[in-house]
Amino acid sequence: MKTIEHSLRFVTEVDENHPTGSMLLALDEANQIILLESMLKDLLLPAIVPAIEEINKGGSWAILKAVQ
C-alpha cells in the first residue's frame, strides 16, 4: 500500500491583550508554530481517533491515519 502524507491548515486568532496571548506573541514565529501545533496534536488527536476509526471501518481502497 502506498502512503500519501497531507496536511490540514489551521489558523489561531490570539488576543494580544490576554497575558497568555502576550506570552505566545513574544515568541519568535517558529516557536509559536511549534507550540500551537503541539497543543493541537495533544488536544485534537484523542478526540478525532474514534471518528477516524469509524471512517476506516470496512475501508477497502484507503485508510486514514493520524500521524504524530
N, C-alpha and C. Protein backbone atom coordinates (compact mmCIF):
# COMPACT_ATOMS: atom_id res chain seq x y z
N MET A 1 0.84 -1.17 0.00
CA MET A 1 0.00 0.00 0.00
C MET A 1 0.89 1.24 0.00
N LYS A 2 0.54 2.21 -0.77
CA LYS A 2 1.31 3.46 -0.89
C LYS A 2 0.74 4.49 0.09
N THR A 3 1.62 5.30 0.67
CA THR A 3 1.23 6.32 1.64
C THR A 3 1.32 7.70 1.02
N ILE A 4 0.28 8.51 1.23
CA ILE A 4 0.27 9.91 0.81
C ILE A 4 0.15 10.76 2.07
N GLU A 5 1.16 11.55 2.34
CA GLU A 5 1.11 12.43 3.51
C GLU A 5 0.53 13.78 3.09
N HIS A 6 -0.43 14.25 3.83
CA HIS A 6 -1.05 15.55 3.54
C HIS A 6 -1.19 16.32 4.84
N SER A 7 -1.51 17.58 4.73
CA SER A 7 -1.63 18.39 5.94
C SER A 7 -2.88 19.25 5.87
N LEU A 8 -3.42 19.52 7.02
CA LEU A 8 -4.53 20.45 7.15
C LEU A 8 -3.96 21.75 7.69
N ARG A 9 -4.54 22.84 7.26
CA ARG A 9 -4.05 24.14 7.72
C ARG A 9 -5.03 24.71 8.72
N PHE A 10 -4.50 25.21 9.81
CA PHE A 10 -5.29 25.88 10.84
C PHE A 10 -4.74 27.28 11.03
N VAL A 11 -5.58 28.17 11.49
CA VAL A 11 -5.12 29.48 11.94
C VAL A 11 -5.58 29.65 13.38
N THR A 12 -4.83 30.40 14.14
CA THR A 12 -5.17 30.69 15.53
C THR A 12 -5.24 32.19 15.70
N GLU A 13 -6.37 32.67 16.18
CA GLU A 13 -6.51 34.09 16.48
C GLU A 13 -6.11 34.28 17.94
N VAL A 14 -5.16 35.16 18.18
CA VAL A 14 -4.60 35.36 19.51
C VAL A 14 -4.96 36.74 20.01
N ASP A 15 -5.51 36.80 21.23
CA ASP A 15 -5.82 38.08 21.87
C ASP A 15 -4.53 38.62 22.48
N GLU A 16 -3.98 39.64 21.84
CA GLU A 16 -2.71 40.19 22.30
C GLU A 16 -2.82 40.90 23.65
N ASN A 17 -4.05 41.13 24.12
CA ASN A 17 -4.25 41.78 25.42
C ASN A 17 -4.36 40.79 26.57
N HIS A 18 -4.51 39.51 26.25
CA HIS A 18 -4.57 38.47 27.28
C HIS A 18 -3.14 38.10 27.67
N PRO A 19 -2.87 37.87 28.95
CA PRO A 19 -1.49 37.55 29.38
C PRO A 19 -0.89 36.35 28.65
N THR A 20 -1.66 35.30 28.46
CA THR A 20 -1.13 34.12 27.77
C THR A 20 -0.90 34.42 26.29
N GLY A 21 -1.82 35.19 25.70
CA GLY A 21 -1.65 35.59 24.31
C GLY A 21 -0.40 36.44 24.13
N SER A 22 -0.15 37.33 25.07
CA SER A 22 1.05 38.16 25.01
C SER A 22 2.32 37.33 25.08
N MET A 23 2.30 36.31 25.96
CA MET A 23 3.48 35.44 26.08
C MET A 23 3.72 34.68 24.78
N LEU A 24 2.64 34.18 24.16
CA LEU A 24 2.79 33.47 22.90
C LEU A 24 3.35 34.39 21.82
N LEU A 25 2.81 35.59 21.74
CA LEU A 25 3.26 36.53 20.71
C LEU A 25 4.68 37.04 20.94
N ALA A 26 5.19 36.90 22.16
CA ALA A 26 6.57 37.30 22.45
C ALA A 26 7.58 36.30 21.88
N LEU A 27 7.11 35.08 21.57
CA LEU A 27 7.99 34.08 20.98
C LEU A 27 8.22 34.40 19.51
N ASP A 28 9.33 33.89 18.96
CA ASP A 28 9.54 34.03 17.52
C ASP A 28 8.54 33.14 16.79
N GLU A 29 8.31 33.42 15.52
CA GLU A 29 7.27 32.74 14.76
C GLU A 29 7.45 31.22 14.73
N ALA A 30 8.67 30.76 14.60
CA ALA A 30 8.91 29.31 14.56
C ALA A 30 8.46 28.65 15.86
N ASN A 31 8.77 29.25 16.99
CA ASN A 31 8.38 28.68 18.28
C ASN A 31 6.88 28.83 18.52
N GLN A 32 6.26 29.87 18.01
CA GLN A 32 4.80 29.99 18.09
C GLN A 32 4.15 28.81 17.39
N ILE A 33 4.62 28.51 16.20
CA ILE A 33 4.06 27.42 15.40
C ILE A 33 4.29 26.08 16.09
N ILE A 34 5.48 25.86 16.60
CA ILE A 34 5.79 24.60 17.30
C ILE A 34 4.85 24.42 18.49
N LEU A 35 4.68 25.47 19.28
CA LEU A 35 3.82 25.39 20.46
C LEU A 35 2.36 25.13 20.07
N LEU A 36 1.86 25.88 19.09
CA LEU A 36 0.47 25.71 18.69
C LEU A 36 0.21 24.34 18.07
N GLU A 37 1.12 23.86 17.23
CA GLU A 37 0.94 22.54 16.62
C GLU A 37 0.99 21.44 17.68
N SER A 38 1.85 21.59 18.65
CA SER A 38 1.94 20.62 19.73
C SER A 38 0.64 20.58 20.52
N MET A 39 0.09 21.76 20.81
CA MET A 39 -1.17 21.82 21.55
C MET A 39 -2.31 21.20 20.74
N LEU A 40 -2.35 21.48 19.44
CA LEU A 40 -3.39 20.91 18.60
C LEU A 40 -3.32 19.38 18.60
N LYS A 41 -2.13 18.85 18.45
CA LYS A 41 -1.97 17.40 18.46
C LYS A 41 -2.42 16.81 19.78
N ASP A 42 -2.00 17.41 20.88
CA ASP A 42 -2.35 16.89 22.21
C ASP A 42 -3.85 16.95 22.47
N LEU A 43 -4.50 18.01 21.99
CA LEU A 43 -5.92 18.19 22.27
C LEU A 43 -6.84 17.52 21.26
N LEU A 44 -6.48 17.57 19.99
CA LEU A 44 -7.38 17.07 18.95
C LEU A 44 -7.24 15.58 18.67
N LEU A 45 -6.03 15.07 18.70
CA LEU A 45 -5.83 13.67 18.32
C LEU A 45 -6.70 12.71 19.13
N PRO A 46 -6.71 12.82 20.46
CA PRO A 46 -7.57 11.89 21.22
C PRO A 46 -9.06 12.03 20.86
N ALA A 47 -9.46 13.22 20.48
CA ALA A 47 -10.87 13.44 20.16
C ALA A 47 -11.25 12.90 18.78
N ILE A 48 -10.31 12.91 17.83
CA ILE A 48 -10.67 12.50 16.47
C ILE A 48 -10.36 11.04 16.15
N VAL A 49 -9.58 10.37 17.00
CA VAL A 49 -9.25 8.97 16.72
C VAL A 49 -10.50 8.11 16.58
N PRO A 50 -11.51 8.24 17.47
CA PRO A 50 -12.72 7.42 17.26
C PRO A 50 -13.40 7.71 15.92
N ALA A 51 -13.41 8.95 15.49
CA ALA A 51 -14.02 9.29 14.19
C ALA A 51 -13.22 8.67 13.05
N ILE A 52 -11.90 8.70 13.15
CA ILE A 52 -11.05 8.08 12.11
C ILE A 52 -11.30 6.58 12.06
N GLU A 53 -11.41 5.94 13.22
CA GLU A 53 -11.67 4.51 13.24
C GLU A 53 -13.02 4.19 12.59
N GLU A 54 -14.02 5.03 12.83
CA GLU A 54 -15.34 4.83 12.23
C GLU A 54 -15.27 4.99 10.70
N ILE A 55 -14.53 6.01 10.26
CA ILE A 55 -14.36 6.23 8.82
C ILE A 55 -13.69 5.03 8.16
N ASN A 56 -12.72 4.45 8.85
CA ASN A 56 -11.93 3.35 8.27
C ASN A 56 -12.63 1.99 8.31
N LYS A 57 -13.73 1.87 9.06
CA LYS A 57 -14.44 0.59 9.11
C LYS A 57 -14.83 0.17 7.70
N GLY A 58 -14.43 -1.00 7.34
CA GLY A 58 -14.78 -1.50 6.02
C GLY A 58 -14.05 -0.82 4.88
N GLY A 59 -13.04 -0.03 5.21
CA GLY A 59 -12.28 0.65 4.16
C GLY A 59 -11.59 -0.35 3.27
N SER A 60 -11.71 -0.18 1.99
CA SER A 60 -11.09 -1.12 1.07
C SER A 60 -10.02 -0.48 0.19
N TRP A 61 -10.18 0.79 -0.13
CA TRP A 61 -9.22 1.38 -1.06
C TRP A 61 -8.31 2.39 -0.39
N ALA A 62 -8.67 2.90 0.81
CA ALA A 62 -7.81 3.86 1.51
C ALA A 62 -8.11 3.82 3.00
N ILE A 63 -7.09 3.99 3.79
CA ILE A 63 -7.21 4.02 5.25
C ILE A 63 -6.59 5.33 5.74
N LEU A 64 -7.34 6.08 6.52
CA LEU A 64 -6.87 7.35 7.08
C LEU A 64 -6.17 7.07 8.40
N LYS A 65 -5.00 7.67 8.60
CA LYS A 65 -4.25 7.51 9.84
C LYS A 65 -3.80 8.88 10.32
N ALA A 66 -3.77 9.06 11.64
CA ALA A 66 -3.24 10.29 12.24
C ALA A 66 -1.76 10.08 12.50
N VAL A 67 -0.96 11.02 12.06
CA VAL A 67 0.49 10.93 12.24
C VAL A 67 0.88 11.93 13.33
N GLN A 68 1.62 11.45 14.29
CA GLN A 68 2.04 12.34 15.39
C GLN A 68 3.42 12.88 15.14
